[in-house]
Amino acid sequence: MAGDLARGKHAILKWVTGAILGLVSLYPAYAEDAVLTADLLSDYVSQGYATTAERKQIAASEIECLAQAIYHESRGEPDQGQWAVASVILNRVDSRTYPDTVCGVVFQNAHMVNRCQFSFACDGRPDDGGHGNIIDRESWVQSNIMALIAYRKSLEGQRPEDGLTTAMHFHTTTVSPSWASAYTQVAAIGNHIFY
């Protein structure tokens, strides 16, 4: 059994390291954070923590949900705006008002057509990203890198955007939702306003 655990840990480290290095080659600007993420995961696995298939699956699912939200809500926005979207989602996870998982926050009320928290979650279109042209694929890869880094930072009690530690809502500048007047604007980044 100890041998199986050691082999499992080695397989996880090999996969994570390979995935991160592959993604970093596409986005060198995130190399330092990606290497820190690989180091953190390596430390986590090597310090004797039990890494079960369930924990791996939950973490992968949380990162995928965060990547989908970053991609669908902010691709094409400046990097700072994409980090801000990730911050809003992670701030909600930490709040008692919202579900306590990334996927729970992202897909809250997804069963209610056009009444969910994030429009992409209930618009009836596929949410897995990356099936369009090369720009969409690049945006999908970047969203996944950002999600991985943001999720890792959230495990450490950090946010990717220090200035948005309280932001819980956002909308595009093309709409004026009635709920916006109930909140204080904390930032305007790209085509989004954050509250």
Foldseek 3Di string as FASTA:
>chain_A
DVVVLVVVLVVVLVVLVVLLVVLCVLPVVCVVLSVVLSVVSNCCSPVPDRDDPVNVVQVVVLLQLQLLQLLVVPQVFPPVVSLLSSLLLLLQLVDPVFPVTSNRQSQPVLVPACPHQGNVSNPPDDRNWDPDDPSRVSSSSVSSSSSSSQVSVVVVVDGPDVQNNPWNDKDFQVDDDPCVVVDDFRDDGGRMTTD
